[in-house]
Amino acid sequence: KLAASSALYAAMEDDLDIDCGPVADGSVDVAQMGAEIFARLLRHAS
């Protein structure tokens, strides 16, 4: 589960796996976050 904002992730960290909020504030671009999600998918698939 991917959180659209860092505030949401902080509020529901027990339920959510990845904070995508850094994309909104520009500290991480979409491609970098996509690579992180893909890597996590492989980890959880394992």
PDB file of all heavy atoms in Angstrom:
ATOM      1  N   LYS A   1       0.822  -1.202   0.000  1.00  0.00           N
ATOM      2  CA  LYS A   1       0.000   0.000   0.000  1.00  0.00           C
ATOM      3  C   LYS A   1       0.862   1.261   0.000  1.00  0.00           C
ATOM      4  O   LYS A   1       1.800   1.384   0.795  1.00  0.00           O
ATOM      5  CB  LYS A   1      -0.955  -0.019   1.194  1.00  0.00           C
ATOM      6  CG  LYS A   1      -2.041  -1.096   1.040  1.00  0.00           C
ATOM      7  CD  LYS A   1      -3.000  -1.147   2.199  1.00  0.00           C
ATOM      8  CE  LYS A   1      -2.402  -1.836   3.401  1.00  0.00           C
ATOM      9  NZ  LYS A   1      -3.411  -2.122   4.445  1.00  0.00           N
ATOM     10  N   LEU A   2       0.506   2.185  -0.911  1.00  0.00           N
ATOM     11  CA  LEU A   2       1.277   3.395  -1.148  1.00  0.00           C
ATOM     12  C   LEU A   2       0.518   4.609  -0.648  1.00  0.00           C
ATOM     13  O   LEU A   2      -0.625   4.843  -1.039  1.00  0.00           O
ATOM     14  CB  LEU A   2       1.546   3.567  -2.642  1.00  0.00           C
ATOM     15  CG  LEU A   2       1.974   2.325  -3.432  1.00  0.00           C
ATOM     16  CD1 LEU A   2       2.131   2.678  -4.905  1.00  0.00           C
ATOM     17  CD2 LEU A   2       3.257   1.742  -2.864  1.00  0.00           C
ATOM     18  N   ALA A   3       1.146   5.403   0.199  1.00  0.00           N
ATOM     19  CA  ALA A   3       0.528   6.628   0.717  1.00  0.00           C
ATOM     20  C   ALA A   3       0.834   7.791  -0.209  1.00  0.00           C
ATOM     21  O   ALA A   3       1.994   8.026  -0.580  1.00  0.00           O
ATOM     22  CB  ALA A   3       1.046   6.923   2.118  1.00  0.00           C
ATOM     23  N   ALA A   4      -0.190   8.567  -0.588  1.00  0.00           N
ATOM     24  CA  ALA A   4      -0.015   9.686  -1.508  1.00  0.00           C
ATOM     25  C   ALA A   4       0.682  10.872  -0.854  1.00  0.00           C
ATOM     26  O   ALA A   4       1.243  11.712  -1.549  1.00  0.00           O
ATOM     27  CB  ALA A   4      -1.360  10.124  -2.067  1.00  0.00           C
ATOM     28  N   SER A   5       0.650  10.949   0.470  1.00  0.00           N
ATOM     29  CA  SER A   5       1.268  12.083   1.158  1.00  0.00           C
ATOM     30  C   SER A   5       2.001  11.594   2.395  1.00  0.00           C
ATOM     31  O   SER A   5       1.655  10.565   2.988  1.00  0.00           O
ATOM     32  CB  SER A   5       0.220  13.119   1.564  1.00  0.00           C
ATOM     33  OG  SER A   5      -0.606  12.605   2.598  1.00  0.00           O
ATOM     34  N   SER A   6       2.998  12.354   2.799  1.00  0.00           N
ATOM     35  CA  SER A   6       3.750  12.000   4.006  1.00  0.00           C
ATOM     36  C   SER A   6       2.888  12.134   5.249  1.00  0.00           C
ATOM     37  O   SER A   6       3.051  11.385   6.215  1.00  0.00           O
ATOM     38  CB  SER A   6       4.995  12.889   4.115  1.00  0.00           C
ATOM     39  OG  SER A   6       5.870  12.645   3.030  1.00  0.00           O
ATOM     40  N   ALA A   7       1.943  13.103   5.236  1.00  0.00           N
ATOM     41  CA  ALA A   7       1.051  13.263   6.385  1.00  0.00           C
ATOM     42  C   ALA A   7       0.181  12.030   6.562  1.00  0.00           C
ATOM     43  O   ALA A   7      -0.025  11.553   7.688  1.00  0.00           O
ATOM     44  CB  ALA A   7       0.180  14.508   6.197  1.00  0.00           C
ATOM     45  N   LEU A   8      -0.335  11.498   5.464  1.00  0.00           N
ATOM     46  CA  LEU A   8      -1.142  10.277   5.531  1.00  0.00           C
ATOM     47  C   LEU A   8      -0.302   9.114   6.017  1.00  0.00           C
ATOM     48  O   LEU A   8      -0.739   8.325   6.867  1.00  0.00           O
ATOM     49  CB  LEU A   8      -1.752   9.971   4.165  1.00  0.00           C
ATOM     50  CG  LEU A   8      -2.485   8.632   4.045  1.00  0.00           C
ATOM     51  CD1 LEU A   8      -3.673   8.580   4.994  1.00  0.00           C
ATOM     52  CD2 LEU A   8      -2.944   8.400   2.608  1.00  0.00           C
ATOM     53  N   TYR A   9       0.905   8.986   5.498  1.00  0.00           N
ATOM     54  CA  TYR A   9       1.773   7.883   5.908  1.00  0.00           C
ATOM     55  C   TYR A   9       2.043   7.939   7.409  1.00  0.00           C
ATOM     56  O   TYR A   9       1.994   6.916   8.101  1.00  0.00           O
ATOM     57  CB  TYR A   9       3.085   7.933   5.126  1.00  0.00           C
ATOM     58  CG  TYR A   9       4.017   6.787   5.445  1.00  0.00           C
ATOM     59  CD1 TYR A   9       3.810   5.521   4.904  1.00  0.00           C
ATOM     60  CD2 TYR A   9       5.103   6.969   6.287  1.00  0.00           C
ATOM     61  CE1 TYR A   9       4.656   4.462   5.193  1.00  0.00           C
ATOM     62  CE2 TYR A   9       5.959   5.924   6.590  1.00  0.00           C
ATOM     63  CZ  TYR A   9       5.734   4.674   6.045  1.00  0.00           C
ATOM     64  OH  TYR A   9       6.574   3.631   6.344  1.00  0.00           O
ATOM     65  N   ALA A  10       2.312   9.139   7.924  1.00  0.00           N
ATOM     66  CA  ALA A  10       2.580   9.280   9.356  1.00  0.00           C
ATOM     67  C   ALA A  10       1.358   8.931  10.186  1.00  0.00           C
ATOM     68  O   ALA A  10       1.466   8.362  11.274  1.00  0.00           O
ATOM     69  CB  ALA A  10       3.031  10.715   9.658  1.00  0.00           C
ATOM     70  N   ALA A  11       0.172   9.268   9.669  1.00  0.00           N
ATOM     71  CA  ALA A  11      -1.066   9.016  10.406  1.00  0.00           C
ATOM     72  C   ALA A  11      -1.444   7.539  10.414  1.00  0.00           C
ATOM     73  O   ALA A  11      -2.093   7.075  11.348  1.00  0.00           O
ATOM     74  CB  ALA A  11      -2.208   9.837   9.803  1.00  0.00           C
ATOM     75  N   MET A  12      -1.059   6.787   9.352  1.00  0.00           N
ATOM     76  CA  MET A  12      -1.468   5.380   9.241  1.00  0.00           C
ATOM     77  C   MET A  12      -0.276   4.481   8.914  1.00  0.00           C
ATOM     78  O   MET A  12      -0.361   3.572   8.088  1.00  0.00           O
ATOM     79  CB  MET A  12      -2.550   5.214   8.175  1.00  0.00           C
ATOM     80  CG  MET A  12      -3.875   5.871   8.511  1.00  0.00           C
ATOM     81  SD  MET A  12      -5.201   5.388   7.389  1.00  0.00           S
ATOM     82  CE  MET A  12      -5.433   3.643   7.802  1.00  0.00           C
ATOM     83  N   GLU A  13       0.826   4.722   9.580  1.00  0.00           N
ATOM     84  CA  GLU A  13       2.054   3.981   9.267  1.00  0.00           C
ATOM     85  C   GLU A  13       1.908   2.487   9.529  1.00  0.00           C
ATOM     86  O   GLU A  13       2.569   1.667   8.888  1.00  0.00           O
ATOM     87  CB  GLU A  13       3.232   4.551  10.068  1.00  0.00           C
ATOM     88  CG  GLU A  13       4.573   4.009   9.634  1.00  0.00           C
ATOM     89  CD  GLU A  13       5.728   4.732  10.292  1.00  0.00           C
ATOM     90  OE1 GLU A  13       5.500   5.754  10.975  1.00  0.00           O
ATOM     91  OE2 GLU A  13       6.873   4.263  10.130  1.00  0.00           O
ATOM     92  N   ASP A  14       1.061   2.111  10.475  1.00  0.00           N
ATOM     93  CA  ASP A  14       0.846   0.688  10.745  1.00  0.00           C
ATOM     94  C   ASP A  14       0.250  -0.041   9.543  1.00  0.00           C
ATOM     95  O   ASP A  14       0.442  -1.251   9.387  1.00  0.00           O
ATOM     96  CB  ASP A  14      -0.092   0.498  11.943  1.00  0.00           C
ATOM     97  CG  ASP A  14       0.594   0.784  13.267  1.00  0.00           C
ATOM     98  OD1 ASP A  14       1.834   0.941  13.259  1.00  0.00           O
ATOM     99  OD2 ASP A  14      -0.092   0.862  14.290  1.00  0.00           O
ATOM    100  N   ASP A  15      -0.508   0.684   8.717  1.00  0.00           N
ATOM    101  CA  ASP A  15      -1.209   0.065   7.593  1.00  0.00           C
ATOM    102  C   ASP A  15      -0.507   0.250   6.259  1.00  0.00           C
ATOM    103  O   ASP A  15      -0.705  -0.559   5.348  1.00  0.00           O
ATOM    104  CB  ASP A  15      -2.625   0.644   7.472  1.00  0.00           C
ATOM    105  CG  ASP A  15      -3.581   0.059   8.494  1.00  0.00           C
ATOM    106  OD1 ASP A  15      -4.070  -1.044   8.263  1.00  0.00           O
ATOM    107  OD2 ASP A  15      -3.818   0.715   9.526  1.00  0.00           O
ATOM    108  N   LEU A  16       0.270   1.323   6.110  1.00  0.00           N
ATOM    109  CA  LEU A  16       0.801   1.704   4.807  1.00  0.00           C
ATOM    110  C   LEU A  16       2.278   1.340   4.691  1.00  0.00           C
ATOM    111  O   LEU A  16       3.038   1.442   5.656  1.00  0.00           O
ATOM    112  CB  LEU A  16       0.592   3.197   4.573  1.00  0.00           C
ATOM    113  CG  LEU A  16      -0.867   3.663   4.729  1.00  0.00           C
ATOM    114  CD1 LEU A  16      -0.975   5.168   4.543  1.00  0.00           C
ATOM    115  CD2 LEU A  16      -1.778   2.935   3.751  1.00  0.00           C
ATOM    116  N   ASP A  17       2.686   0.924   3.489  1.00  0.00           N
ATOM    117  CA  ASP A  17       4.036   0.392   3.295  1.00  0.00           C
ATOM    118  C   ASP A  17       5.036   1.421   2.798  1.00  0.00           C
ATOM    119  O   ASP A  17       6.204   1.396   3.200  1.00  0.00           O
ATOM    120  CB  ASP A  17       3.982  -0.773   2.298  1.00  0.00           C
ATOM    121  CG  ASP A  17       3.166  -1.943   2.805  1.00  0.00           C
ATOM    122  OD1 ASP A  17       3.708  -2.756   3.573  1.00  0.00           O
ATOM    123  OD2 ASP A  17       1.978  -2.034   2.442  1.00  0.00           O
ATOM    124  N   ILE A  18       4.621   2.298   1.892  1.00  0.00           N
ATOM    125  CA  ILE A  18       5.564   3.213   1.260  1.00  0.00           C
ATOM    126  C   ILE A  18       4.997   4.627   1.269  1.00  0.00           C
ATOM    127  O   ILE A  18       3.829   4.846   0.916  1.00  0.00           O
ATOM    128  CB  ILE A  18       5.874   2.785  -0.190  1.00  0.00           C
ATOM    129  CG1 ILE A  18       6.541   1.404  -0.207  1.00  0.00           C
ATOM    130  CG2 ILE A  18       6.775   3.804  -0.883  1.00  0.00           C
ATOM    131  CD1 ILE A  18       6.858   0.894  -1.596  1.00  0.00           C
ATOM    132  N   ASP A  19       5.818   5.584   1.658  1.00  0.00           N
ATOM    133  CA  ASP A  19       5.444   7.004   1.651  1.00  0.00           C
ATOM    134  C   ASP A  19       5.848   7.600   0.306  1.00  0.00           C
ATOM    135  O   ASP A  19       7.041   7.750   0.008  1.00  0.00           O
ATOM    136  CB  ASP A  19       6.180   7.712   2.795  1.00  0.00           C
ATOM    137  CG  ASP A  19       5.936   9.210   2.818  1.00  0.00           C
ATOM    138  OD1 ASP A  19       5.019   9.676   2.106  1.00  0.00           O
ATOM    139  OD2 ASP A  19       6.667   9.909   3.554  1.00  0.00           O
ATOM    140  N   CYS A  20       4.853   7.954  -0.516  1.00  0.00           N
ATOM    141  CA  CYS A  20       5.116   8.596  -1.812  1.00  0.00           C
ATOM    142  C   CYS A  20       5.081  10.118  -1.706  1.00  0.00           C
ATOM    143  O   CYS A  20       5.176  10.804  -2.733  1.00  0.00           O
ATOM    144  CB  CYS A  20       4.109   8.120  -2.848  1.00  0.00           C
ATOM    145  SG  CYS A  20       4.232   6.362  -3.248  1.00  0.00           S
ATOM    146  N   GLY A  21       4.952  10.649  -0.505  1.00  0.00           N
ATOM    147  CA  GLY A  21       4.919  12.090  -0.302  1.00  0.00           C
ATOM    148  C   GLY A  21       6.132  12.830  -0.844  1.00  0.00           C
ATOM    149  O   GLY A  21       5.991  13.957  -1.337  1.00  0.00           O
ATOM    150  N   PRO A  22       7.346  12.266  -0.761  1.00  0.00           N
ATOM    151  CA  PRO A  22       8.510  12.980  -1.304  1.00  0.00           C
ATOM    152  C   PRO A  22       8.381  13.352  -2.777  1.00  0.00           C
ATOM    153  O   PRO A  22       9.049  14.280  -3.233  1.00  0.00           O
ATOM    154  CB  PRO A  22       9.653  11.979  -1.077  1.00  0.00           C
ATOM    155  CG  PRO A  22       9.243  11.231   0.157  1.00  0.00           C
ATOM    156  CD  PRO A  22       7.755  11.079   0.018  1.00  0.00           C
ATOM    157  N   VAL A  23       7.523  12.651  -3.528  1.00  0.00           N
ATOM    158  CA  VAL A  23       7.290  13.041  -4.923  1.00  0.00           C
ATOM    159  C   VAL A  23       6.599  14.395  -4.969  1.00  0.00           C
ATOM    160  O   VAL A  23       6.914  15.245  -5.812  1.00  0.00           O
ATOM    161  CB  VAL A  23       6.447  11.975  -5.656  1.00  0.00           C
ATOM    162  CG1 VAL A  23       6.104  12.425  -7.075  1.00  0.00           C
ATOM    163  CG2 VAL A  23       7.174  10.635  -5.691  1.00  0.00           C
ATOM    164  N   ALA A  24       5.657  14.617  -4.053  1.00  0.00           N
ATOM    165  CA  ALA A  24       4.909  15.877  -4.036  1.00  0.00           C
ATOM    166  C   ALA A  24       5.796  17.061  -3.677  1.00  0.00           C
ATOM    167  O   ALA A  24       5.647  18.154  -4.232  1.00  0.00           O
ATOM    168  CB  ALA A  24       3.737  15.772  -3.064  1.00  0.00           C
ATOM    169  N   ASP A  25       6.746  16.864  -2.749  1.00  0.00           N
ATOM    170  CA  ASP A  25       7.594  17.997  -2.353  1.00  0.00           C
ATOM    171  C   ASP A  25       8.841  18.133  -3.227  1.00  0.00           C
ATOM    172  O   ASP A  25       9.659  19.036  -3.021  1.00  0.00           O
ATOM    173  CB  ASP A  25       7.976  17.910  -0.872  1.00  0.00           C
ATOM    174  CG  ASP A  25       8.824  16.682  -0.533  1.00  0.00           C
ATOM    175  OD1 ASP A  25       9.588  16.211  -1.406  1.00  0.00           O
ATOM    176  OD2 ASP A  25       8.747  16.201   0.614  1.00  0.00           O
ATOM    177  N   GLY A  26       8.996  17.228  -4.204  1.00  0.00           N
ATOM    178  CA  GLY A  26      10.078  17.370  -5.166  1.00  0.00           C
ATOM    179  C   GLY A  26      11.408  16.803  -4.741  1.00  0.00           C
ATOM    180  O   GLY A  26      12.392  16.895  -5.486  1.00  0.00           O
ATOM    181  N   SER A  27      11.480  16.203  -3.555  1.00  0.00           N
ATOM    182  CA  SER A  27      12.759  15.646  -3.108  1.00  0.00           C
ATOM    183  C   SER A  27      13.097  14.328  -3.802  1.00  0.00           C
ATOM    184  O   SER A  27      14.251  13.902  -3.812  1.00  0.00           O
ATOM    185  CB  SER A  27      12.743  15.454  -1.584  1.00  0.00           C
ATOM    186  OG  SER A  27      11.697  14.578  -1.195  1.00  0.00           O
ATOM    187  N   VAL A  28      12.081  13.676  -4.371  1.00  0.00           N
ATOM    188  CA  VAL A  28      12.262  12.435  -5.133  1.00  0.00           C
ATOM    189  C   VAL A  28      11.409  12.550  -6.386  1.00  0.00           C
ATOM    190  O   VAL A  28      10.265  13.016  -6.317  1.00  0.00           O
ATOM    191  CB  VAL A  28      11.825  11.200  -4.303  1.00  0.00           C
ATOM    192  CG1 VAL A  28      11.853   9.940  -5.151  1.00  0.00           C
ATOM    193  CG2 VAL A  28      12.726  11.030  -3.086  1.00  0.00           C
ATOM    194  N   ASP A  29      11.945  12.134  -7.526  1.00  0.00           N
ATOM    195  CA  ASP A  29      11.114  12.207  -8.723  1.00  0.00           C
ATOM    196  C   ASP A  29      10.324  10.913  -8.908  1.00  0.00           C
ATOM    197  O   ASP A  29      10.548   9.919  -8.204  1.00  0.00           O
ATOM    198  CB  ASP A  29      11.933  12.547  -9.970  1.00  0.00           C
ATOM    199  CG  ASP A  29      12.958  11.485 -10.353  1.00  0.00           C
ATOM    200  OD1 ASP A  29      12.728  10.289 -10.083  1.00  0.00           O
ATOM    201  OD2 ASP A  29      13.989  11.850 -10.945  1.00  0.00           O
ATOM    202  N   VAL A  30       9.380  10.954  -9.842  1.00  0.00           N
ATOM    203  CA  VAL A  30       8.475   9.822 -10.047  1.00  0.00           C
ATOM    204  C   VAL A  30       9.246   8.556 -10.406  1.00  0.00           C
ATOM    205  O   VAL A  30       8.940   7.463  -9.919  1.00  0.00           O
ATOM    206  CB  VAL A  30       7.429  10.164 -11.131  1.00  0.00           C
ATOM    207  CG1 VAL A  30       6.672   8.912 -11.565  1.00  0.00           C
ATOM    208  CG2 VAL A  30       6.447  11.204 -10.612  1.00  0.00           C
ATOM    209  N   ALA A  31      10.249   8.687 -11.258  1.00  0.00           N
ATOM    210  CA  ALA A  31      11.019   7.507 -11.676  1.00  0.00           C
ATOM    211  C   ALA A  31      11.743   6.870 -10.497  1.00  0.00           C
ATOM    212  O   ALA A  31      11.776   5.635 -10.371  1.00  0.00           O
ATOM    213  CB  ALA A  31      12.019   7.906 -12.766  1.00  0.00           C
ATOM    214  N   GLN A  32      12.310   7.695  -9.619  1.00  0.00           N
ATOM    215  CA  GLN A  32      13.010   7.157  -8.447  1.00  0.00           C
ATOM    216  C   GLN A  32      12.039   6.434  -7.515  1.00  0.00           C
ATOM    217  O   GLN A  32      12.343   5.354  -6.999  1.00  0.00           O
ATOM    218  CB  GLN A  32      13.720   8.294  -7.703  1.00  0.00           C
ATOM    219  CG  GLN A  32      14.907   8.877  -8.452  1.00  0.00           C
ATOM    220  CD  GLN A  32      15.447  10.124  -7.774  1.00  0.00           C
ATOM    221  OE1 GLN A  32      14.680  10.971  -7.302  1.00  0.00           O
ATOM    222  NE2 GLN A  32      16.766  10.250  -7.733  1.00  0.00           N
ATOM    223  N   MET A  33      10.861   7.040  -7.296  1.00  0.00           N
ATOM    224  CA  MET A  33       9.877   6.391  -6.429  1.00  0.00           C
ATOM    225  C   MET A  33       9.356   5.121  -7.071  1.00  0.00           C
ATOM    226  O   MET A  33       9.131   4.109  -6.387  1.00  0.00           O
ATOM    227  CB  MET A  33       8.729   7.352  -6.125  1.00  0.00           C
ATOM    228  CG  MET A  33       7.724   6.819  -5.106  1.00  0.00           C
ATOM    229  SD  MET A  33       8.458   6.460  -3.475  1.00  0.00           S
ATOM    230  CE  MET A  33       8.805   8.117  -2.896  1.00  0.00           C
ATOM    231  N   GLY A  34       9.170   5.134  -8.388  1.00  0.00           N
ATOM    232  CA  GLY A  34       8.751   3.920  -9.077  1.00  0.00           C
ATOM    233  C   GLY A  34       9.761   2.802  -8.925  1.00  0.00           C
ATOM    234  O   GLY A  34       9.396   1.635  -8.729  1.00  0.00           O
ATOM    235  N   ALA A  35      11.058   3.140  -8.988  1.00  0.00           N
ATOM    236  CA  ALA A  35      12.104   2.135  -8.809  1.00  0.00           C
ATOM    237  C   ALA A  35      12.067   1.565  -7.393  1.00  0.00           C
ATOM    238  O   ALA A  35      12.276   0.358  -7.185  1.00  0.00           O
ATOM    239  CB  ALA A  35      13.469   2.739  -9.115  1.00  0.00           C
ATOM    240  N   GLU A  36      11.790   2.435  -6.403  1.00  0.00           N
ATOM    241  CA  GLU A  36      11.687   1.955  -5.024  1.00  0.00           C
ATOM    242  C   GLU A  36      10.494   1.008  -4.869  1.00  0.00           C
ATOM    243  O   GLU A  36      10.604  -0.047  -4.223  1.00  0.00           O
ATOM    244  CB  GLU A  36      11.554   3.121  -4.051  1.00  0.00           C
ATOM    245  CG  GLU A  36      11.415   2.661  -2.596  1.00  0.00           C
ATOM    246  CD  GLU A  36      11.273   3.805  -1.614  1.00  0.00           C
ATOM    247  OE1 GLU A  36      11.597   4.950  -1.960  1.00  0.00           O
ATOM    248  OE2 GLU A  36      10.824   3.539  -0.475  1.00  0.00           O
ATOM    249  N   ILE A  37       9.356   1.366  -5.462  1.00  0.00           N
ATOM    250  CA  ILE A  37       8.173   0.509  -5.388  1.00  0.00           C
ATOM    251  C   ILE A  37       8.453  -0.835  -6.043  1.00  0.00           C
ATOM    252  O   ILE A  37       8.122  -1.897  -5.497  1.00  0.00           O
ATOM    253  CB  ILE A  37       6.961   1.196  -6.047  1.00  0.00           C
ATOM    254  CG1 ILE A  37       6.544   2.427  -5.243  1.00  0.00           C
ATOM    255  CG2 ILE A  37       5.780   0.221  -6.164  1.00  0.00           C
ATOM    256  CD1 ILE A  37       5.547   3.316  -5.962  1.00  0.00           C
ATOM    257  N   PHE A  38       9.089  -0.809  -7.214  1.00  0.00           N
ATOM    258  CA  PHE A  38       9.403  -2.053  -7.914  1.00  0.00           C
ATOM    259  C   PHE A  38      10.314  -2.936  -7.072  1.00  0.00           C
ATOM    260  O   PHE A  38      10.094  -4.155  -6.956  1.00  0.00           O
ATOM    261  CB  PHE A  38      10.045  -1.736  -9.267  1.00  0.00           C
ATOM    262  CG  PHE A  38      10.371  -2.945 -10.083  1.00  0.00           C
ATOM    263  CD1 PHE A  38       9.378  -3.819 -10.511  1.00  0.00           C
ATOM    264  CD2 PHE A  38      11.684  -3.231 -10.430  1.00  0.00           C
ATOM    265  CE1 PHE A  38       9.673  -4.938 -11.266  1.00  0.00           C
ATOM    266  CE2 PHE A  38      11.999  -4.351 -11.175  1.00  0.00           C
ATOM    267  CZ  PHE A  38      11.000  -5.211 -11.596  1.00  0.00           C
ATOM    268  N   ALA A  39      11.327  -2.330  -6.459  1.00  0.00           N
ATOM    269  CA  ALA A  39      12.232  -3.107  -5.600  1.00  0.00           C
ATOM    270  C   ALA A  39      11.486  -3.709  -4.418  1.00  0.00           C
ATOM    271  O   ALA A  39      11.735  -4.860  -4.027  1.00  0.00           O
ATOM    272  CB  ALA A  39      13.372  -2.212  -5.112  1.00  0.00           C
ATOM    273  N   ARG A  40      10.562  -2.943  -3.849  1.00  0.00           N
ATOM    274  CA  ARG A  40       9.775  -3.465  -2.716  1.00  0.00           C
ATOM    275  C   ARG A  40       8.852  -4.589  -3.162  1.00  0.00           C
ATOM    276  O   ARG A  40       8.639  -5.559  -2.431  1.00  0.00           O
ATOM    277  CB  ARG A  40       8.981  -2.329  -2.074  1.00  0.00           C
ATOM    278  CG  ARG A  40       9.826  -1.381  -1.254  1.00  0.00           C
ATOM    279  CD  ARG A  40      10.239  -1.991   0.084  1.00  0.00           C
ATOM    280  NE  ARG A  40       9.096  -2.232   0.932  1.00  0.00           N
ATOM    281  CZ  ARG A  40       8.572  -1.327   1.774  1.00  0.00           C
ATOM    282  NH1 ARG A  40       9.103  -0.105   1.837  1.00  0.00           N
ATOM    283  NH2 ARG A  40       7.541  -1.625   2.527  1.00  0.00           N
ATOM    284  N   LEU A  41       8.277  -4.459  -4.350  1.00  0.00           N
ATOM    285  CA  LEU A  41       7.446  -5.548  -4.874  1.00  0.00           C
ATOM    286  C   LEU A  41       8.232  -6.850  -4.935  1.00  0.00           C
ATOM    287  O   LEU A  41       7.738  -7.913  -4.536  1.00  0.00           O
ATOM    288  CB  LEU A  41       6.919  -5.184  -6.268  1.00  0.00           C
ATOM    289  CG  LEU A  41       5.819  -4.130  -6.342  1.00  0.00           C
ATOM    290  CD1 LEU A  41       5.595  -3.704  -7.792  1.00  0.00           C
ATOM    291  CD2 LEU A  41       4.514  -4.637  -5.732  1.00  0.00           C
ATOM    292  N   LEU A  42       9.466  -6.777  -5.401  1.00  0.00           N
ATOM    293  CA  LEU A  42      10.297  -7.979  -5.501  1.00  0.00           C
ATOM    294  C   LEU A  42      10.636  -8.525  -4.117  1.00  0.00           C
ATOM    295  O   LEU A  42      10.660  -9.751  -3.916  1.00  0.00           O
ATOM    296  CB  LEU A  42      11.568  -7.677  -6.291  1.00  0.00           C
ATOM    297  CG  LEU A  42      11.358  -7.266  -7.758  1.00  0.00           C
ATOM    298  CD1 LEU A  42      12.709  -7.016  -8.422  1.00  0.00           C
ATOM    299  CD2 LEU A  42      10.564  -8.308  -8.532  1.00  0.00           C
ATOM    300  N   ARG A  43      10.894  -7.637  -3.166  1.00  0.00           N
ATOM    301  CA  ARG A  43      11.178  -8.085  -1.798  1.00  0.00           C
ATOM    302  C   ARG A  43       9.987  -8.800  -1.189  1.00  0.00           C
ATOM    303  O   ARG A  43      10.118  -9.884  -0.588  1.00  0.00           O
ATOM    304  CB  ARG A  43      11.557  -6.892  -0.921  1.00  0.00           C
ATOM    305  CG  ARG A  43      13.006  -6.481  -0.999  1.00  0.00           C
ATOM    306  CD  ARG A  43      13.247  -5.153  -0.340  1.00  0.00           C
ATOM    307  NE  ARG A  43      12.637  -5.022   0.982  1.00  0.00           N
ATOM    308  CZ  ARG A  43      12.572  -3.864   1.646  1.00  0.00           C
ATOM    309  NH1 ARG A  43      13.057  -2.749   1.092  1.00  0.00           N
ATOM    310  NH2 ARG A  43      12.008  -3.807   2.843  1.00  0.00           N
ATOM    311  N   HIS A  44       8.797  -8.229  -1.349  1.00  0.00           N
ATOM    312  CA  HIS A  44       7.610  -8.845  -0.761  1.00  0.00           C
ATOM    313  C   HIS A  44       7.198 -10.096  -1.532  1.00  0.00           C
ATOM    314  O   HIS A  44       6.693 -11.056  -0.933  1.00  0.00           O
ATOM    315  CB  HIS A  44       6.466  -7.830  -0.706  1.00  0.00           C
ATOM    316  CG  HIS A  44       6.714  -6.723   0.280  1.00  0.00           C
ATOM    317  ND1 HIS A  44       6.813  -6.950   1.632  1.00  0.00           N
ATOM    318  CD2 HIS A  44       6.908  -5.391   0.098  1.00  0.00           C
ATOM    319  CE1 HIS A  44       7.039  -5.800   2.258  1.00  0.00           C
ATOM    320  NE2 HIS A  44       7.106  -4.842   1.343  1.00  0.00           N
ATOM    321  N   ALA A  45       7.437 -10.111  -2.832  1.00  0.00           N
ATOM    322  CA  ALA A  45       7.183 -11.332  -3.600  1.00  0.00           C
ATOM    323  C   ALA A  45       8.091 -12.462  -3.134  1.00  0.00           C
ATOM    324  O   ALA A  45       7.751 -13.643  -3.271  1.00  0.00           O
ATOM    325  CB  ALA A  45       7.398 -11.066  -5.089  1.00  0.00           C
ATOM    326  N   SER A  46       9.223 -12.109  -2.568  1.00  0.00           N
ATOM    327  CA  SER A  46      10.186 -13.099  -2.086  1.00  0.00           C
ATOM    328  C   SER A  46       9.863 -13.631  -0.700  1.00  0.00           C
ATOM    329  O   SER A  46      10.572 -14.509  -0.190  1.00  0.00           O
ATOM    330  CB  SER A  46      11.595 -12.481  -2.078  1.00  0.00           C
ATOM    331  OG  SER A  46      11.982 -12.097  -3.385  1.00  0.00           O
TER     332      SER A  46
END
